[in-house]
Amino acid sequence: MDQLKPHTSLLDLIGNTPMVALEKVVSGFAGRYYAKVECFNPGHSSKDRIAAFIIDQAERQGLLKPGDTIVETTSGNTGFSLAMVSALKGYKCILAVSSKSSPDKIDMLKAMGAEVHVCPANVAADDPRSYYEVAKRLHQETPGSIYINQYFNALNTKAHYHSTGPEIWEQTKGKITHLVACSGTGGTISGTAQYLKEQNPDIQILGVDAYGSVLQKYHETGELDKDEIYPYRIEGLGKNLIPSATDFKVIDRFVKVSDGDSALAARFLSQSEGLFLGYTSGAALQGLIQLHEEGAFDQDSVVVVIFPDHGSRYMSKIYNDQWMIDQGFMDHKAKTAVPVTYVQ
């Protein structure tokens, strides 16, 4: 028994995720391309990093004690990570979730013991029914609770500055020239970029935004244009407000991607590279493809794209043929899924 060396906690497995060379999805592209595959975290997404980091900091400051409650606004992945850490550490977990989140995500949150409040997605951020405002209300109504508030929590960014950034720098041996990453709360892209820019200011940080989101225009003009806001389907990408966790100064430019292209890109990843990843990962790949088409890379480029989550959370959406057809993303003749034969 003395020779056994098990991990003492699931939390030990957070971070140090692998980097994988991309081949088929970038066939014919100039440069070298690598994926930082965040679904290898125990909670299957990059959000494990911020959940563990923010809760650890709250404990160090005496803001949390066993039996207390963690409240958060989430599109699903942060909620799952918080529910996982809460279960391990003995906290209650209450989550306000956007109705845009897949049923798979909501079921997973409940399976982890979280109390889930599903809020309408297509309302203004300051609407009392929005998941931002519902989370604030639940925090105020719950004694002994803390509100993670990932969109406006500097620790969200710091978590990636201290982990994702150094890992990518080490894994590429400092040769990275471009980082491609989606931006929602902005913590992943900002914290990673802050670290990488400190090592080499010439590294280009390329953000991926969604059509229907305000982030790209805000980055370009410094103004929140409400005319940019309209409903879209991608989860965990883009925003109808400006998160303070996003450091726009370290992001060089944004590219916008569509719902349909991102969904098909995720399917392309699974069937070409064997990477079964989430909707936002498909958006990240679609952003990379569009940047390539715009001539953003050359033969000397070393490009890292962050794939933030796992495909299991989207079985009822992008990996469901009928959902894809209903959204107009593919027709019956153009299915990318392999047909199933049932033997009687």
Protein backbone atom coordinates (compact mmCIF):
# COMPACT_ATOMS: atom_id res chain seq x y z
CA MET A 1 0.00 0.00 0.00
CA ASP A 2 2.86 2.40 0.71
CA GLN A 3 3.82 2.31 -2.97
CA LEU A 4 0.42 3.57 -4.10
CA LYS A 5 0.39 7.24 -5.12
CA PRO A 6 -3.22 8.19 -5.72
CA HIS A 7 -4.35 11.79 -5.93
CA THR A 8 -5.87 12.89 -2.65
CA SER A 9 -8.55 14.98 -4.34
CA LEU A 10 -10.19 15.41 -7.72
CA LEU A 11 -9.04 19.02 -7.49
CA ASP A 12 -5.47 17.83 -8.00
CA LEU A 13 -6.42 17.01 -11.60
CA ILE A 14 -7.36 20.57 -12.54
CA GLY A 15 -5.00 22.20 -15.03
CA ASN A 16 -1.98 20.91 -16.93
CA THR A 17 -4.31 19.95 -19.77
CA PRO A 18 -2.72 18.52 -22.92
CA MET A 19 -1.86 20.34 -26.12
CA VAL A 20 -2.61 18.41 -29.30
CA ALA A 21 -1.39 19.13 -32.82
CA LEU A 22 -4.21 19.78 -35.29
CA GLU A 23 -3.90 18.24 -38.74
CA LYS A 24 -7.04 17.54 -40.78
CA VAL A 25 -9.06 20.60 -39.78
CA VAL A 26 -6.15 22.85 -40.80
CA SER A 27 -5.08 20.91 -43.89
CA GLY A 28 -3.40 23.27 -46.34
CA PHE A 29 -3.05 26.09 -43.80
CA ALA A 30 0.32 27.84 -43.52
CA GLY A 31 1.94 27.49 -40.09
CA ARG A 32 1.57 25.07 -37.19
CA TYR A 33 -1.63 24.67 -35.18
CA TYR A 34 -2.17 23.28 -31.69
CA ALA A 35 -5.25 22.80 -29.52
CA LYS A 36 -5.28 23.35 -25.77
CA VAL A 37 -7.88 20.70 -24.87
CA GLU A 38 -9.61 21.85 -21.68
CA CYS A 39 -12.10 18.96 -21.46
CA PHE A 40 -9.28 17.00 -19.80
CA ASN A 41 -10.05 18.91 -16.61
CA PRO A 42 -12.07 16.69 -14.23
CA GLY A 43 -15.19 18.82 -14.74
CA HIS A 44 -14.63 18.66 -18.53
CA SER A 45 -14.10 22.39 -19.08
CA SER A 46 -11.75 25.31 -18.55
CA LYS A 47 -14.14 26.61 -15.88
CA ASP A 48 -12.69 24.15 -13.35
CA ARG A 49 -9.73 26.51 -13.14
CA ILE A 50 -11.74 29.52 -12.00
CA ALA A 51 -14.07 27.54 -9.72
CA ALA A 52 -11.19 26.05 -7.74
CA PHE A 53 -9.17 29.29 -7.73
CA ILE A 54 -12.00 31.62 -6.66
CA ILE A 55 -13.27 29.27 -3.95
CA ASP A 56 -9.73 28.76 -2.64
CA GLN A 57 -9.25 32.53 -2.42
CA ALA A 58 -12.59 32.93 -0.62
CA GLU A 59 -11.55 30.31 1.92
CA ARG A 60 -8.20 32.00 2.48
CA GLN A 61 -10.00 35.29 3.16
CA GLY A 62 -12.40 33.63 5.59
CA LEU A 63 -15.43 34.27 3.40
CA LEU A 64 -16.47 30.60 3.25
CA LYS A 65 -16.96 27.96 5.91
CA PRO A 66 -18.38 24.41 5.62
CA GLY A 67 -22.11 24.47 5.01
CA ASP A 68 -22.11 27.89 3.35
CA THR A 69 -23.67 28.46 -0.05
CA ILE A 70 -22.10 29.39 -3.40
CA VAL A 71 -24.33 31.32 -5.82
CA GLU A 72 -23.51 31.98 -9.45
CA THR A 73 -24.73 33.05 -12.88
CA THR A 74 -23.79 30.49 -15.53
CA SER A 75 -24.42 29.17 -19.03
CA GLY A 76 -23.60 25.75 -17.59
CA ASN A 77 -19.87 25.03 -17.52
CA THR A 78 -18.94 27.32 -14.63
CA GLY A 79 -21.96 26.02 -12.78
CA PHE A 80 -20.87 22.42 -13.21
CA SER A 81 -17.36 23.22 -12.00
CA LEU A 82 -18.70 25.11 -8.97
CA ALA A 83 -21.12 22.29 -8.17
CA MET A 84 -18.25 19.78 -8.38
CA VAL A 85 -15.99 21.82 -6.08
CA SER A 86 -18.93 22.49 -3.72
CA ALA A 87 -19.65 18.77 -3.44
CA LEU A 88 -16.02 18.07 -2.62
CA LYS A 89 -15.72 20.85 -0.06
CA GLY A 90 -19.12 20.62 1.63
CA TYR A 91 -20.83 23.74 0.26
CA LYS A 92 -24.33 24.20 -1.07
CA CYS A 93 -24.57 25.44 -4.65
CA ILE A 94 -27.34 27.58 -6.18
CA LEU A 95 -27.14 28.42 -9.88
CA ALA A 96 -29.06 30.83 -12.11
CA VAL A 97 -28.87 29.36 -15.61
CA SER A 98 -29.79 30.78 -19.00
CA SER A 99 -32.62 28.99 -20.78
CA LYS A 100 -30.25 28.84 -23.77
CA SER A 101 -28.23 26.23 -21.90
CA SER A 102 -28.72 22.74 -23.25
CA PRO A 103 -30.96 20.32 -21.32
CA ASP A 104 -27.86 18.14 -20.96
CA LYS A 105 -26.08 20.88 -19.02
CA ILE A 106 -29.07 21.51 -16.77
CA ASP A 107 -29.44 17.80 -16.00
CA MET A 108 -25.71 17.59 -15.21
CA LEU A 109 -25.97 20.51 -12.78
CA LYS A 110 -28.84 18.80 -10.95
CA ALA A 111 -26.93 15.52 -10.93
CA MET A 112 -24.10 17.30 -9.09
CA GLY A 113 -26.51 18.42 -6.37
CA ALA A 114 -26.95 22.04 -7.45
CA GLU A 115 -30.20 23.96 -7.00
CA VAL A 116 -30.94 25.26 -10.50
CA HIS A 117 -33.02 28.29 -11.51
CA VAL A 118 -33.59 28.51 -15.29
CA CYS A 119 -33.97 32.10 -16.49
CA PRO A 120 -35.10 33.47 -19.89
CA ALA A 121 -32.14 34.06 -22.20
CA ASN A 122 -33.48 36.82 -24.41
CA VAL A 123 -34.05 39.57 -21.86
CA ALA A 124 -31.91 42.60 -21.03
CA ALA A 125 -29.09 42.10 -18.55
CA ASP A 126 -30.79 44.41 -16.03
CA ASP A 127 -34.18 42.71 -16.36
CA PRO A 128 -35.13 41.17 -12.98
CA ARG A 129 -35.72 37.84 -14.78
CA SER A 130 -32.20 37.72 -16.28
CA TYR A 131 -29.82 35.18 -14.85
CA TYR A 132 -27.57 38.01 -13.68
CA GLU A 133 -30.31 39.62 -11.60
CA VAL A 134 -31.77 36.32 -10.37
CA ALA A 135 -28.36 35.26 -9.05
CA LYS A 136 -27.98 38.59 -7.23
CA ARG A 137 -31.42 38.17 -5.66
CA LEU A 138 -30.72 34.57 -4.60
CA HIS A 139 -27.47 35.70 -2.98
CA GLN A 140 -29.27 38.46 -1.05
CA GLU A 141 -31.96 36.02 0.08
CA THR A 142 -29.53 33.29 1.20
CA PRO A 143 -27.70 33.79 4.51
CA GLY A 144 -24.11 32.54 4.54
CA SER A 145 -23.74 32.76 0.77
CA ILE A 146 -21.16 34.26 -1.56
CA TYR A 147 -21.81 35.34 -5.14
CA ILE A 148 -19.00 34.29 -7.50
CA ASN A 149 -20.00 36.92 -10.10
CA GLN A 150 -17.57 35.60 -12.75
CA TYR A 151 -18.33 38.40 -15.23
CA PHE A 152 -17.08 41.06 -12.84
CA ASN A 153 -14.62 39.11 -10.69
CA ALA A 154 -10.93 39.85 -11.27
CA LEU A 155 -10.08 36.40 -9.87
CA ASN A 156 -11.65 34.88 -13.00
CA THR A 157 -8.88 36.50 -15.03
CA LYS A 158 -6.16 35.79 -12.46
CA ALA A 159 -6.95 32.07 -12.47
CA HIS A 160 -5.91 31.85 -16.12
CA TYR A 161 -2.97 34.20 -15.66
CA HIS A 162 -1.58 31.78 -13.08
CA SER A 163 -2.40 28.54 -14.92
CA THR A 164 -3.48 28.54 -18.57
CA GLY A 165 -1.00 31.19 -19.69
CA PRO A 166 2.10 29.57 -18.14
CA GLU A 167 1.05 26.14 -19.39
CA ILE A 168 0.73 27.32 -23.00
CA TRP A 169 4.04 29.18 -22.83
CA GLU A 170 5.80 26.08 -21.50
CA GLN A 171 4.07 23.64 -23.86
CA THR A 172 5.08 25.68 -26.91
CA LYS A 173 8.53 26.40 -25.44
CA GLY A 174 7.83 30.09 -25.93
CA LYS A 175 7.34 29.75 -29.69
CA ILE A 176 3.63 30.66 -29.75
CA THR A 177 2.87 33.54 -32.14
CA HIS A 178 -0.96 33.61 -32.03
CA LEU A 179 -3.60 32.68 -29.45
CA VAL A 180 -7.18 32.08 -30.63
CA ALA A 181 -9.77 31.93 -27.86
CA CYS A 182 -13.46 32.54 -27.38
CA SER A 183 -14.62 35.39 -25.17
CA GLY A 184 -17.63 35.20 -22.89
CA THR A 185 -16.80 36.43 -19.41
CA GLY A 186 -13.38 37.12 -20.92
CA GLY A 187 -11.47 35.48 -18.09
CA THR A 188 -9.83 32.76 -20.17
CA ILE A 189 -8.63 34.92 -23.03
CA SER A 190 -7.66 37.87 -20.81
CA GLY A 191 -5.73 36.04 -18.12
CA THR A 192 -3.94 33.84 -20.64
CA ALA A 193 -3.14 36.86 -22.81
CA GLN A 194 -1.82 38.91 -19.91
CA TYR A 195 0.72 36.22 -19.10
CA LEU A 196 1.71 35.57 -22.71
CA LYS A 197 2.07 39.26 -23.53
CA GLU A 198 4.40 39.66 -20.54
CA GLN A 199 6.63 36.97 -22.02
CA ASN A 200 6.43 38.28 -25.60
CA PRO A 201 4.41 41.44 -26.45
CA ASP A 202 4.38 40.45 -30.13
CA ILE A 203 2.09 37.47 -29.57
CA GLN A 204 -1.23 38.18 -31.29
CA ILE A 205 -4.33 37.60 -29.17
CA LEU A 206 -7.33 36.86 -31.39
CA GLY A 207 -10.74 36.77 -29.75
CA VAL A 208 -13.80 34.95 -31.06
CA ASP A 209 -17.19 36.62 -30.57
CA ALA A 210 -20.72 35.70 -31.66
CA TYR A 211 -23.09 37.51 -33.99
CA GLY A 212 -25.65 38.98 -31.58
CA SER A 213 -22.98 39.95 -29.04
CA VAL A 214 -21.51 43.39 -28.27
CA LEU A 215 -17.88 42.47 -27.53
CA GLN A 216 -16.24 43.00 -30.93
CA LYS A 217 -17.76 46.43 -31.50
CA TYR A 218 -16.98 47.51 -27.95
CA HIS A 219 -13.36 46.47 -28.50
CA GLU A 220 -13.21 48.53 -31.69
CA THR A 221 -15.13 51.63 -30.56
CA GLY A 222 -15.27 51.64 -26.76
CA GLU A 223 -19.06 51.87 -26.95
CA LEU A 224 -21.77 49.36 -26.04
CA ASP A 225 -24.07 49.30 -29.07
CA LYS A 226 -27.41 47.79 -28.11
CA ASP A 227 -28.28 47.49 -31.80
CA GLU A 228 -25.68 44.70 -31.94
CA ILE A 229 -27.71 42.58 -29.51
CA TYR A 230 -30.05 39.88 -30.81
CA PRO A 231 -30.72 36.23 -29.88
CA TYR A 232 -28.18 33.59 -30.83
CA ARG A 233 -27.70 29.94 -29.94
CA ILE A 234 -24.02 29.46 -29.03
CA GLU A 235 -23.63 28.99 -25.28
CA GLY A 236 -20.83 30.57 -23.26
CA LEU A 237 -19.70 32.90 -26.03
CA GLY A 238 -20.27 36.63 -26.41
CA LYS A 239 -22.30 38.92 -24.16
CA ASN A 240 -25.06 41.54 -24.07
CA LEU A 241 -23.06 43.50 -21.49
CA ILE A 242 -19.40 44.38 -20.98
CA PRO A 243 -17.75 42.10 -18.38
CA SER A 244 -15.05 43.79 -16.33
CA ALA A 245 -13.26 40.42 -16.28
CA THR A 246 -12.38 41.09 -19.93
CA ASP A 247 -9.12 42.97 -20.42
CA PHE A 248 -9.71 44.43 -23.87
CA LYS A 249 -6.24 46.02 -23.92
CA VAL A 250 -4.49 42.67 -24.33
CA ILE A 251 -6.78 41.46 -27.12
CA ASP A 252 -5.55 42.50 -30.56
CA ARG A 253 -8.73 41.86 -32.51
CA PHE A 254 -11.99 39.96 -32.60
CA VAL A 255 -13.67 37.88 -35.27
CA LYS A 256 -17.39 37.02 -35.19
CA VAL A 257 -18.80 33.58 -35.92
CA SER A 258 -22.32 32.34 -36.64
CA ASP A 259 -24.40 29.70 -34.86
CA GLY A 260 -24.59 27.35 -37.84
CA ASP A 261 -20.94 27.52 -38.85
CA SER A 262 -19.84 26.91 -35.25
CA ALA A 263 -22.13 23.89 -34.84
CA LEU A 264 -20.86 22.33 -38.05
CA ALA A 265 -17.26 23.08 -37.08
CA ALA A 266 -17.72 21.14 -33.84
CA ARG A 267 -18.99 18.15 -35.82
CA PHE A 268 -16.07 18.52 -38.23
CA LEU A 269 -13.67 18.36 -35.27
CA SER A 270 -15.13 15.15 -33.93
CA GLN A 271 -15.19 13.35 -37.26
CA SER A 272 -11.78 14.49 -38.47
CA GLU A 273 -9.59 14.89 -35.39
CA GLY A 274 -11.51 12.60 -33.01
CA LEU A 275 -12.01 15.52 -30.64
CA PHE A 276 -15.56 15.33 -29.27
CA LEU A 277 -15.97 18.89 -28.05
CA GLY A 278 -18.58 21.50 -27.25
CA TYR A 279 -20.38 24.25 -29.12
CA THR A 280 -17.91 26.91 -27.99
CA SER A 281 -15.02 24.75 -29.15
CA GLY A 282 -16.68 24.62 -32.55
CA ALA A 283 -16.88 28.42 -32.46
CA ALA A 284 -13.17 28.61 -31.64
CA LEU A 285 -12.33 26.40 -34.64
CA GLN A 286 -14.64 28.42 -36.89
CA GLY A 287 -12.92 31.60 -35.74
CA LEU A 288 -9.52 30.09 -36.54
CA ILE A 289 -10.73 29.06 -40.02
CA GLN A 290 -12.04 32.57 -40.74
CA LEU A 291 -8.80 34.14 -39.53
CA HIS A 292 -6.87 31.83 -41.85
CA GLU A 293 -9.13 32.86 -44.75
CA GLU A 294 -8.37 36.51 -43.93
CA GLY A 295 -4.63 35.84 -44.11
CA ALA A 296 -3.92 36.22 -40.39
CA PHE A 297 -1.28 33.45 -40.38
CA ASP A 298 1.84 32.59 -42.38
CA GLN A 299 4.34 29.73 -42.58
CA ASP A 300 6.13 30.95 -39.44
CA SER A 301 2.97 31.07 -37.32
CA VAL A 302 2.62 28.88 -34.24
CA VAL A 303 -1.07 29.09 -33.41
CA VAL A 304 -2.71 27.81 -30.23
CA VAL A 305 -6.51 27.58 -30.06
CA ILE A 306 -8.24 26.96 -26.75
CA PHE A 307 -11.04 24.38 -26.91
CA PRO A 308 -12.94 25.00 -23.66
CA ASP A 309 -15.37 22.12 -23.14
CA HIS A 310 -16.67 18.65 -23.97
CA GLY A 311 -19.29 17.48 -26.46
CA SER A 312 -21.31 15.46 -23.93
CA ARG A 313 -23.05 18.68 -22.88
CA TYR A 314 -24.57 19.22 -26.31
CA MET A 315 -26.06 15.83 -27.20
CA SER A 316 -29.56 17.33 -27.44
CA LYS A 317 -28.31 20.21 -29.57
CA ILE A 318 -25.40 20.26 -32.03
CA TYR A 319 -24.94 16.48 -31.96
CA ASN A 320 -28.65 15.85 -32.50
CA ASP A 321 -29.51 15.65 -36.20
CA GLN A 322 -33.11 16.77 -35.76
CA TRP A 323 -32.08 19.84 -33.72
CA MET A 324 -29.57 20.78 -36.42
CA ILE A 325 -32.23 20.40 -39.12
CA ASP A 326 -34.78 22.38 -37.10
CA GLN A 327 -32.30 25.25 -36.76
CA GLY A 328 -31.64 25.23 -40.49
CA PHE A 329 -27.99 24.25 -39.97
CA MET A 330 -28.21 21.17 -42.18
CA ASP A 331 -30.82 19.40 -44.26
CA HIS A 332 -31.77 15.75 -44.51
CA LYS A 333 -29.50 15.22 -47.51
CA ALA A 334 -26.47 16.93 -45.98
CA LYS A 335 -26.21 15.15 -42.66
CA THR A 336 -22.70 14.90 -41.32
CA ALA A 337 -23.69 12.25 -38.80
CA VAL A 338 -23.08 8.58 -39.50
CA PRO A 339 -26.40 6.69 -39.94
CA VAL A 340 -27.39 4.09 -37.36
CA THR A 341 -28.69 0.65 -38.34
CA TYR A 342 -31.06 -1.11 -35.91
CA VAL A 343 -31.07 -4.90 -36.11
CA GLN A 344 -34.44 -6.50 -35.33
